[in-house]
Amino acid sequence: MRPGAALALLSAASLALLGSAPGTGPAPLPERMADTGGGTQLITALAPDTGATSGTVTWWDLRDGQWRRAGSAPARFGANGLVAGGSRKQGTSTTPAGLYGLPFAFGIQTAPAGTRIVYRPVHGSSWWCQDNDSRSYNRWVEPLPTDCAATESEHLVAYPAQYAYGLVIGFNYDRPVRGRGAGIFLHVNGRAATAGCVSVPEEAMRRILRWAEPGHNPHIAIGTEHGTTAITRY
């Protein structure tokens, strides 16, 4: 056998062991993740590193056993970057990395036509309680309970641009830990980086709301390209 032919065979064998072949790229991001939430829809919010305040949001569908990209948009993160969700502290303007459910959508504007996920309209009495001493910590409330200080909460209607449309990210939601953080959403861009949420342009938010289907159990994974908060770890 010619030396060149032997080298070609060796190279092909090495590529096969690595699970790739000439001319092929990496597998879609959800296929490289440890967990995608068990459903057939996934949003990934990917930042270059923990100090980043911008990155990319992509939404995916699992079809015929393969994850396919349904859309993507530029994203913004917390003004102080990202941190592992389990060690996050409230008031740090960091976005919690991790894999989370999406309990419901909300907005000051009427839900985009075709929205199927539960969508709560924002009223003048709509608040998100962030008071660590309240029984309603990290919950939507209407009206504001007496044990939840307005100075420790968000009056949703006061943010007409950001909360025109939003999705609640289930960070610290099912069993809230006081001091870890409250009111983490996927919402419309404001003027700059967020206080810990993930934000995208308004049209992207509208597209995401029309895309999300409750029966497909959509989740969101937030993370970085590498390191201890790498999105592939979730």
C-alpha atoms as a PDB file:
ATOM      1  CA  MET A   1       0.000   0.000   0.000  1.00  0.00           C
ATOM      2  CA  ARG A   2       1.249   3.474  -0.875  1.00  0.00           C
ATOM      3  CA  PRO A   3       2.334   5.588   2.170  1.00  0.00           C
ATOM      4  CA  GLY A   4      -0.171   8.305   1.234  1.00  0.00           C
ATOM      5  CA  ALA A   5      -3.044   5.835   1.140  1.00  0.00           C
ATOM      6  CA  ALA A   6      -2.082   4.417   4.544  1.00  0.00           C
ATOM      7  CA  LEU A   7      -2.021   7.928   6.032  1.00  0.00           C
ATOM      8  CA  ALA A   8      -5.449   8.655   4.588  1.00  0.00           C
ATOM      9  CA  LEU A   9      -6.875   5.481   6.146  1.00  0.00           C
ATOM     10  CA  LEU A  10      -5.333   6.364   9.527  1.00  0.00           C
ATOM     11  CA  SER A  11      -6.794   9.875   9.397  1.00  0.00           C
ATOM     12  CA  ALA A  12     -10.252   8.529   8.561  1.00  0.00           C
ATOM     13  CA  ALA A  13     -10.069   6.084  11.470  1.00  0.00           C
ATOM     14  CA  SER A  14      -9.064   8.842  13.888  1.00  0.00           C
ATOM     15  CA  LEU A  15     -11.961  11.026  12.767  1.00  0.00           C
ATOM     16  CA  ALA A  16     -14.379   8.155  13.235  1.00  0.00           C
ATOM     17  CA  LEU A  17     -13.211   7.692  16.835  1.00  0.00           C
ATOM     18  CA  LEU A  18     -13.808  11.390  17.454  1.00  0.00           C
ATOM     19  CA  GLY A  19     -17.317  11.148  16.056  1.00  0.00           C
ATOM     20  CA  SER A  20     -16.734  13.536  13.157  1.00  0.00           C
ATOM     21  CA  ALA A  21     -15.906  13.358   9.507  1.00  0.00           C
ATOM     22  CA  PRO A  22     -14.257  15.665   6.986  1.00  0.00           C
ATOM     23  CA  GLY A  23     -16.473  18.601   6.060  1.00  0.00           C
ATOM     24  CA  THR A  24     -18.806  18.296   9.035  1.00  0.00           C
ATOM     25  CA  GLY A  25     -19.177  20.844  11.816  1.00  0.00           C
ATOM     26  CA  PRO A  26     -19.946  20.389  15.517  1.00  0.00           C
ATOM     27  CA  ALA A  27     -23.280  18.949  16.577  1.00  0.00           C
ATOM     28  CA  PRO A  28     -26.062  21.452  17.324  1.00  0.00           C
ATOM     29  CA  LEU A  29     -25.601  23.024  20.742  1.00  0.00           C
ATOM     30  CA  PRO A  30     -28.509  21.175  22.453  1.00  0.00           C
ATOM     31  CA  GLU A  31     -27.001  17.833  21.429  1.00  0.00           C
ATOM     32  CA  ARG A  32     -23.809  18.759  23.291  1.00  0.00           C
ATOM     33  CA  MET A  33     -25.606  19.659  26.515  1.00  0.00           C
ATOM     34  CA  ALA A  34     -25.903  17.455  29.583  1.00  0.00           C
ATOM     35  CA  ASP A  35     -29.645  18.164  29.890  1.00  0.00           C
ATOM     36  CA  THR A  36     -32.217  20.038  27.842  1.00  0.00           C
ATOM     37  CA  GLY A  37     -35.171  19.793  30.217  1.00  0.00           C
ATOM     38  CA  GLY A  38     -36.853  16.744  28.731  1.00  0.00           C
ATOM     39  CA  GLY A  39     -39.007  18.626  26.241  1.00  0.00           C
ATOM     40  CA  THR A  40     -38.810  19.247  22.511  1.00  0.00           C
ATOM     41  CA  GLN A  41     -38.235  23.003  22.665  1.00  0.00           C
ATOM     42  CA  LEU A  42     -35.221  24.802  24.106  1.00  0.00           C
ATOM     43  CA  ILE A  43     -33.900  28.346  24.292  1.00  0.00           C
ATOM     44  CA  THR A  44     -30.140  28.769  24.695  1.00  0.00           C
ATOM     45  CA  ALA A  45     -28.687  32.050  25.957  1.00  0.00           C
ATOM     46  CA  LEU A  46     -24.961  31.867  25.283  1.00  0.00           C
ATOM     47  CA  ALA A  47     -22.300  34.357  26.428  1.00  0.00           C
ATOM     48  CA  PRO A  48     -18.592  34.230  25.539  1.00  0.00           C
ATOM     49  CA  ASP A  49     -17.511  34.283  29.208  1.00  0.00           C
ATOM     50  CA  THR A  50     -18.709  35.259  32.688  1.00  0.00           C
ATOM     51  CA  GLY A  51     -17.725  38.900  32.217  1.00  0.00           C
ATOM     52  CA  ALA A  52     -19.770  39.331  29.058  1.00  0.00           C
ATOM     53  CA  THR A  53     -22.867  41.504  28.897  1.00  0.00           C
ATOM     54  CA  SER A  54     -23.885  40.382  25.409  1.00  0.00           C
ATOM     55  CA  GLY A  55     -24.199  37.147  23.475  1.00  0.00           C
ATOM     56  CA  THR A  56     -26.771  35.185  21.513  1.00  0.00           C
ATOM     57  CA  VAL A  57     -30.195  33.731  22.206  1.00  0.00           C
ATOM     58  CA  THR A  58     -31.233  30.826  19.979  1.00  0.00           C
ATOM     59  CA  TRP A  59     -34.435  28.827  20.071  1.00  0.00           C
ATOM     60  CA  TRP A  60     -34.543  25.197  18.985  1.00  0.00           C
ATOM     61  CA  ASP A  61     -37.017  22.442  18.101  1.00  0.00           C
ATOM     62  CA  LEU A  62     -36.411  18.718  18.453  1.00  0.00           C
ATOM     63  CA  ARG A  63     -37.725  17.088  15.271  1.00  0.00           C
ATOM     64  CA  ASP A  64     -37.243  13.488  14.208  1.00  0.00           C
ATOM     65  CA  GLY A  65     -34.580  13.064  16.884  1.00  0.00           C
ATOM     66  CA  GLN A  66     -32.535  16.090  15.794  1.00  0.00           C
ATOM     67  CA  TRP A  67     -32.330  19.580  17.250  1.00  0.00           C
ATOM     68  CA  ARG A  68     -32.997  22.229  14.627  1.00  0.00           C
ATOM     69  CA  ARG A  69     -32.556  25.964  15.019  1.00  0.00           C
ATOM     70  CA  ALA A  70     -35.838  27.871  14.785  1.00  0.00           C
ATOM     71  CA  GLY A  71     -34.367  31.361  15.208  1.00  0.00           C
ATOM     72  CA  SER A  72     -31.732  33.474  16.919  1.00  0.00           C
ATOM     73  CA  ALA A  73     -31.102  37.028  18.032  1.00  0.00           C
ATOM     74  CA  PRO A  74     -28.442  39.116  19.783  1.00  0.00           C
ATOM     75  CA  ALA A  75     -28.870  39.035  23.548  1.00  0.00           C
ATOM     76  CA  ARG A  76     -27.944  41.126  26.560  1.00  0.00           C
ATOM     77  CA  PHE A  77     -27.092  39.873  30.038  1.00  0.00           C
ATOM     78  CA  GLY A  78     -26.550  41.388  33.479  1.00  0.00           C
ATOM     79  CA  ALA A  79     -24.360  44.468  33.833  1.00  0.00           C
ATOM     80  CA  ASN A  80     -21.937  42.365  35.907  1.00  0.00           C
ATOM     81  CA  GLY A  81     -21.985  39.342  33.631  1.00  0.00           C
ATOM     82  CA  LEU A  82     -22.982  35.793  34.534  1.00  0.00           C
ATOM     83  CA  VAL A  83     -22.611  33.636  37.629  1.00  0.00           C
ATOM     84  CA  ALA A  84     -23.627  30.096  38.551  1.00  0.00           C
ATOM     85  CA  GLY A  85     -27.276  30.195  39.567  1.00  0.00           C
ATOM     86  CA  GLY A  86     -26.705  28.241  42.770  1.00  0.00           C
ATOM     87  CA  SER A  87     -24.290  30.833  44.146  1.00  0.00           C
ATOM     88  CA  ARG A  88     -25.943  33.991  42.869  1.00  0.00           C
ATOM     89  CA  LYS A  89     -26.783  36.811  45.281  1.00  0.00           C
ATOM     90  CA  GLN A  90     -29.649  39.241  44.916  1.00  0.00           C
ATOM     91  CA  GLY A  91     -28.825  42.773  43.826  1.00  0.00           C
ATOM     92  CA  THR A  92     -25.569  41.877  42.070  1.00  0.00           C
ATOM     93  CA  SER A  93     -26.797  42.553  38.495  1.00  0.00           C
ATOM     94  CA  THR A  94     -25.587  39.116  37.412  1.00  0.00           C
ATOM     95  CA  THR A  95     -27.453  36.684  35.170  1.00  0.00           C
ATOM     96  CA  PRO A  96     -27.845  33.206  36.708  1.00  0.00           C
ATOM     97  CA  ALA A  97     -26.366  30.421  34.590  1.00  0.00           C
ATOM     98  CA  GLY A  98     -28.295  27.160  34.564  1.00  0.00           C
ATOM     99  CA  LEU A  99     -31.226  25.281  33.049  1.00  0.00           C
ATOM    100  CA  TYR A 100     -34.683  26.586  33.926  1.00  0.00           C
ATOM    101  CA  GLY A 101     -38.331  26.137  33.128  1.00  0.00           C
ATOM    102  CA  LEU A 102     -40.512  28.915  31.725  1.00  0.00           C
ATOM    103  CA  PRO A 103     -43.569  29.163  34.002  1.00  0.00           C
ATOM    104  CA  PHE A 104     -45.528  31.748  32.011  1.00  0.00           C
ATOM    105  CA  ALA A 105     -45.359  34.781  29.739  1.00  0.00           C
ATOM    106  CA  PHE A 106     -46.533  38.310  30.441  1.00  0.00           C
ATOM    107  CA  GLY A 107     -46.606  41.746  28.919  1.00  0.00           C
ATOM    108  CA  ILE A 108     -47.869  45.284  28.893  1.00  0.00           C
ATOM    109  CA  GLN A 109     -48.770  44.791  25.242  1.00  0.00           C
ATOM    110  CA  THR A 110     -51.386  42.327  24.028  1.00  0.00           C
ATOM    111  CA  ALA A 111     -49.993  38.862  23.397  1.00  0.00           C
ATOM    112  CA  PRO A 112     -48.735  38.439  19.825  1.00  0.00           C
ATOM    113  CA  ALA A 113     -51.190  36.610  17.583  1.00  0.00           C
ATOM    114  CA  GLY A 114     -50.565  32.873  17.806  1.00  0.00           C
ATOM    115  CA  THR A 115     -49.214  32.895  21.388  1.00  0.00           C
ATOM    116  CA  ARG A 116     -50.118  29.583  23.062  1.00  0.00           C
ATOM    117  CA  ILE A 117     -48.161  29.764  26.296  1.00  0.00           C
ATOM    118  CA  VAL A 118     -50.024  31.195  29.309  1.00  0.00           C
ATOM    119  CA  TYR A 119     -49.818  34.984  28.954  1.00  0.00           C
ATOM    120  CA  ARG A 120     -50.640  37.374  31.794  1.00  0.00           C
ATOM    121  CA  PRO A 121     -51.489  40.969  30.895  1.00  0.00           C
ATOM    122  CA  VAL A 122     -49.731  43.580  33.018  1.00  0.00           C
ATOM    123  CA  HIS A 123     -52.094  45.917  34.860  1.00  0.00           C
ATOM    124  CA  GLY A 124     -51.506  48.948  37.015  1.00  0.00           C
ATOM    125  CA  SER A 125     -51.712  46.668  40.053  1.00  0.00           C
ATOM    126  CA  SER A 126     -49.188  44.103  38.753  1.00  0.00           C
ATOM    127  CA  TRP A 127     -45.965  43.745  40.750  1.00  0.00           C
ATOM    128  CA  TRP A 128     -43.126  41.271  41.090  1.00  0.00           C
ATOM    129  CA  CYS A 129     -42.349  40.901  44.788  1.00  0.00           C
ATOM    130  CA  GLN A 130     -38.614  40.883  45.566  1.00  0.00           C
ATOM    131  CA  ASP A 131     -38.860  41.562  49.283  1.00  0.00           C
ATOM    132  CA  ASN A 132     -36.937  38.843  51.116  1.00  0.00           C
ATOM    133  CA  ASP A 133     -39.196  39.199  54.150  1.00  0.00           C
ATOM    134  CA  SER A 134     -42.423  38.674  52.221  1.00  0.00           C
ATOM    135  CA  ARG A 135     -44.394  35.459  51.900  1.00  0.00           C
ATOM    136  CA  SER A 136     -44.767  36.403  48.216  1.00  0.00           C
ATOM    137  CA  TYR A 137     -41.020  36.555  47.530  1.00  0.00           C
ATOM    138  CA  ASN A 138     -40.228  35.984  43.845  1.00  0.00           C
ATOM    139  CA  ARG A 139     -43.873  35.945  42.797  1.00  0.00           C
ATOM    140  CA  TRP A 140     -46.226  37.960  40.594  1.00  0.00           C
ATOM    141  CA  VAL A 141     -48.726  39.723  42.856  1.00  0.00           C
ATOM    142  CA  GLU A 142     -51.871  41.790  42.235  1.00  0.00           C
ATOM    143  CA  PRO A 143     -52.124  44.009  44.209  1.00  0.00           C
ATOM    144  CA  LEU A 144     -48.938  44.411  46.219  1.00  0.00           C
ATOM    145  CA  PRO A 145     -49.340  42.581  49.569  1.00  0.00           C
ATOM    146  CA  THR A 146     -48.909  44.545  52.762  1.00  0.00           C
ATOM    147  CA  ASP A 147     -45.860  42.459  53.719  1.00  0.00           C
ATOM    148  CA  CYS A 148     -44.063  43.243  50.442  1.00  0.00           C
ATOM    149  CA  ALA A 149     -42.349  46.631  50.327  1.00  0.00           C
ATOM    150  CA  ALA A 150     -42.750  48.555  47.071  1.00  0.00           C
ATOM    151  CA  THR A 151     -39.150  49.717  47.363  1.00  0.00           C
ATOM    152  CA  GLU A 152     -38.095  46.055  47.266  1.00  0.00           C
ATOM    153  CA  SER A 153     -40.260  45.101  44.289  1.00  0.00           C
ATOM    154  CA  GLU A 154     -40.825  45.860  40.607  1.00  0.00           C
ATOM    155  CA  HIS A 155     -43.939  47.689  39.464  1.00  0.00           C
ATOM    156  CA  LEU A 156     -44.153  45.941  36.098  1.00  0.00           C
ATOM    157  CA  VAL A 157     -46.098  48.644  34.291  1.00  0.00           C
ATOM    158  CA  ALA A 158     -43.278  51.107  35.032  1.00  0.00           C
ATOM    159  CA  TYR A 159     -41.089  49.405  32.388  1.00  0.00           C
ATOM    160  CA  PRO A 160     -43.047  49.905  29.133  1.00  0.00           C
ATOM    161  CA  ALA A 161     -40.136  48.996  26.849  1.00  0.00           C
ATOM    162  CA  GLN A 162     -38.622  46.034  28.703  1.00  0.00           C
ATOM    163  CA  TYR A 163     -41.896  44.465  29.781  1.00  0.00           C
ATOM    164  CA  ALA A 164     -43.803  45.033  26.578  1.00  0.00           C
ATOM    165  CA  TYR A 165     -43.339  41.245  26.321  1.00  0.00           C
ATOM    166  CA  GLY A 166     -41.612  38.818  28.646  1.00  0.00           C
ATOM    167  CA  LEU A 167     -41.180  35.222  29.760  1.00  0.00           C
ATOM    168  CA  VAL A 168     -40.619  34.313  33.387  1.00  0.00           C
ATOM    169  CA  ILE A 169     -37.387  32.343  33.816  1.00  0.00           C
ATOM    170  CA  GLY A 170     -37.859  29.760  36.567  1.00  0.00           C
ATOM    171  CA  PHE A 171     -34.690  30.719  38.447  1.00  0.00           C
ATOM    172  CA  ASN A 172     -35.196  30.411  42.238  1.00  0.00           C
ATOM    173  CA  TYR A 173     -38.893  29.997  41.515  1.00  0.00           C
ATOM    174  CA  ASP A 174     -40.163  26.591  42.653  1.00  0.00           C
ATOM    175  CA  ARG A 175     -38.551  26.737  46.118  1.00  0.00           C
ATOM    176  CA  PRO A 176     -37.343  30.318  46.517  1.00  0.00           C
ATOM    177  CA  VAL A 177     -34.196  30.855  48.554  1.00  0.00           C
ATOM    178  CA  ARG A 178     -34.193  34.282  50.176  1.00  0.00           C
ATOM    179  CA  GLY A 179     -31.319  36.442  49.052  1.00  0.00           C
ATOM    180  CA  ARG A 180     -30.598  34.480  45.875  1.00  0.00           C
ATOM    181  CA  GLY A 181     -32.609  36.649  43.549  1.00  0.00           C
ATOM    182  CA  ALA A 182     -36.051  37.327  42.182  1.00  0.00           C
ATOM    183  CA  GLY A 183     -37.657  38.567  38.993  1.00  0.00           C
ATOM    184  CA  ILE A 184     -35.389  36.997  36.363  1.00  0.00           C
ATOM    185  CA  PHE A 185     -37.028  37.224  32.952  1.00  0.00           C
ATOM    186  CA  LEU A 186     -36.416  36.946  29.230  1.00  0.00           C
ATOM    187  CA  HIS A 187     -37.702  40.302  28.022  1.00  0.00           C
ATOM    188  CA  VAL A 188     -37.334  43.108  25.498  1.00  0.00           C
ATOM    189  CA  ASN A 189     -34.137  45.155  25.411  1.00  0.00           C
ATOM    190  CA  GLY A 190     -33.854  48.332  27.407  1.00  0.00           C
ATOM    191  CA  ARG A 191     -31.121  50.885  26.829  1.00  0.00           C
ATOM    192  CA  ALA A 192     -28.181  48.759  27.975  1.00  0.00           C
ATOM    193  CA  ALA A 193     -27.257  45.624  29.922  1.00  0.00           C
ATOM    194  CA  THR A 194     -29.835  44.222  32.344  1.00  0.00           C
ATOM    195  CA  ALA A 195     -30.045  43.920  36.124  1.00  0.00           C
ATOM    196  CA  GLY A 196     -29.743  40.136  35.763  1.00  0.00           C
ATOM    197  CA  CYS A 197     -32.317  39.194  33.151  1.00  0.00           C
ATOM    198  CA  VAL A 198     -31.738  38.139  29.549  1.00  0.00           C
ATOM    199  CA  SER A 199     -33.039  40.556  26.933  1.00  0.00           C
ATOM    200  CA  VAL A 200     -33.507  40.531  23.159  1.00  0.00           C
ATOM    201  CA  PRO A 201     -34.913  42.911  20.528  1.00  0.00           C
ATOM    202  CA  GLU A 202     -38.704  43.305  20.596  1.00  0.00           C
ATOM    203  CA  GLU A 203     -39.353  41.463  17.345  1.00  0.00           C
ATOM    204  CA  ALA A 204     -37.302  38.500  18.574  1.00  0.00           C
ATOM    205  CA  MET A 205     -39.365  38.421  21.773  1.00  0.00           C
ATOM    206  CA  ARG A 206     -42.555  38.380  19.724  1.00  0.00           C
ATOM    207  CA  ARG A 207     -41.215  35.505  17.617  1.00  0.00           C
ATOM    208  CA  ILE A 208     -40.281  33.518  20.714  1.00  0.00           C
ATOM    209  CA  LEU A 209     -43.763  33.944  22.189  1.00  0.00           C
ATOM    210  CA  ARG A 210     -45.382  32.736  18.974  1.00  0.00           C
ATOM    211  CA  TRP A 211     -42.952  29.790  18.835  1.00  0.00           C
ATOM    212  CA  ALA A 212     -43.275  28.497  22.407  1.00  0.00           C
ATOM    213  CA  GLU A 213     -45.727  25.629  22.884  1.00  0.00           C
ATOM    214  CA  PRO A 214     -46.598  24.507  26.429  1.00  0.00           C
ATOM    215  CA  GLY A 215     -47.073  20.914  25.335  1.00  0.00           C
ATOM    216  CA  HIS A 216     -43.454  20.831  24.170  1.00  0.00           C
ATOM    217  CA  ASN A 217     -42.163  21.694  27.664  1.00  0.00           C
ATOM    218  CA  PRO A 218     -39.833  24.565  26.653  1.00  0.00           C
ATOM    219  CA  HIS A 219     -36.843  25.385  28.860  1.00  0.00           C
ATOM    220  CA  ILE A 220     -34.074  27.951  28.777  1.00  0.00           C
ATOM    221  CA  ALA A 221     -30.373  27.202  29.288  1.00  0.00           C
ATOM    222  CA  ILE A 222     -28.113  30.124  30.191  1.00  0.00           C
ATOM    223  CA  GLY A 223     -24.352  29.809  30.197  1.00  0.00           C
ATOM    224  CA  THR A 224     -20.959  30.543  28.752  1.00  0.00           C
ATOM    225  CA  GLU A 225     -18.898  28.958  26.016  1.00  0.00           C
ATOM    226  CA  HIS A 226     -16.385  27.425  28.453  1.00  0.00           C
ATOM    227  CA  GLY A 227     -15.547  27.028  32.127  1.00  0.00           C
ATOM    228  CA  THR A 228     -17.606  26.125  35.178  1.00  0.00           C
ATOM    229  CA  THR A 229     -20.642  27.957  33.789  1.00  0.00           C
ATOM    230  CA  ALA A 230     -20.353  26.374  30.329  1.00  0.00           C
ATOM    231  CA  ILE A 231     -23.802  25.929  28.831  1.00  0.00           C
ATOM    232  CA  THR A 232     -22.965  22.348  27.880  1.00  0.00           C
ATOM    233  CA  ARG A 233     -22.796  21.454  31.598  1.00  0.00           C
ATOM    234  CA  TYR A 234     -26.520  22.014  32.013  1.00  0.00           C
END
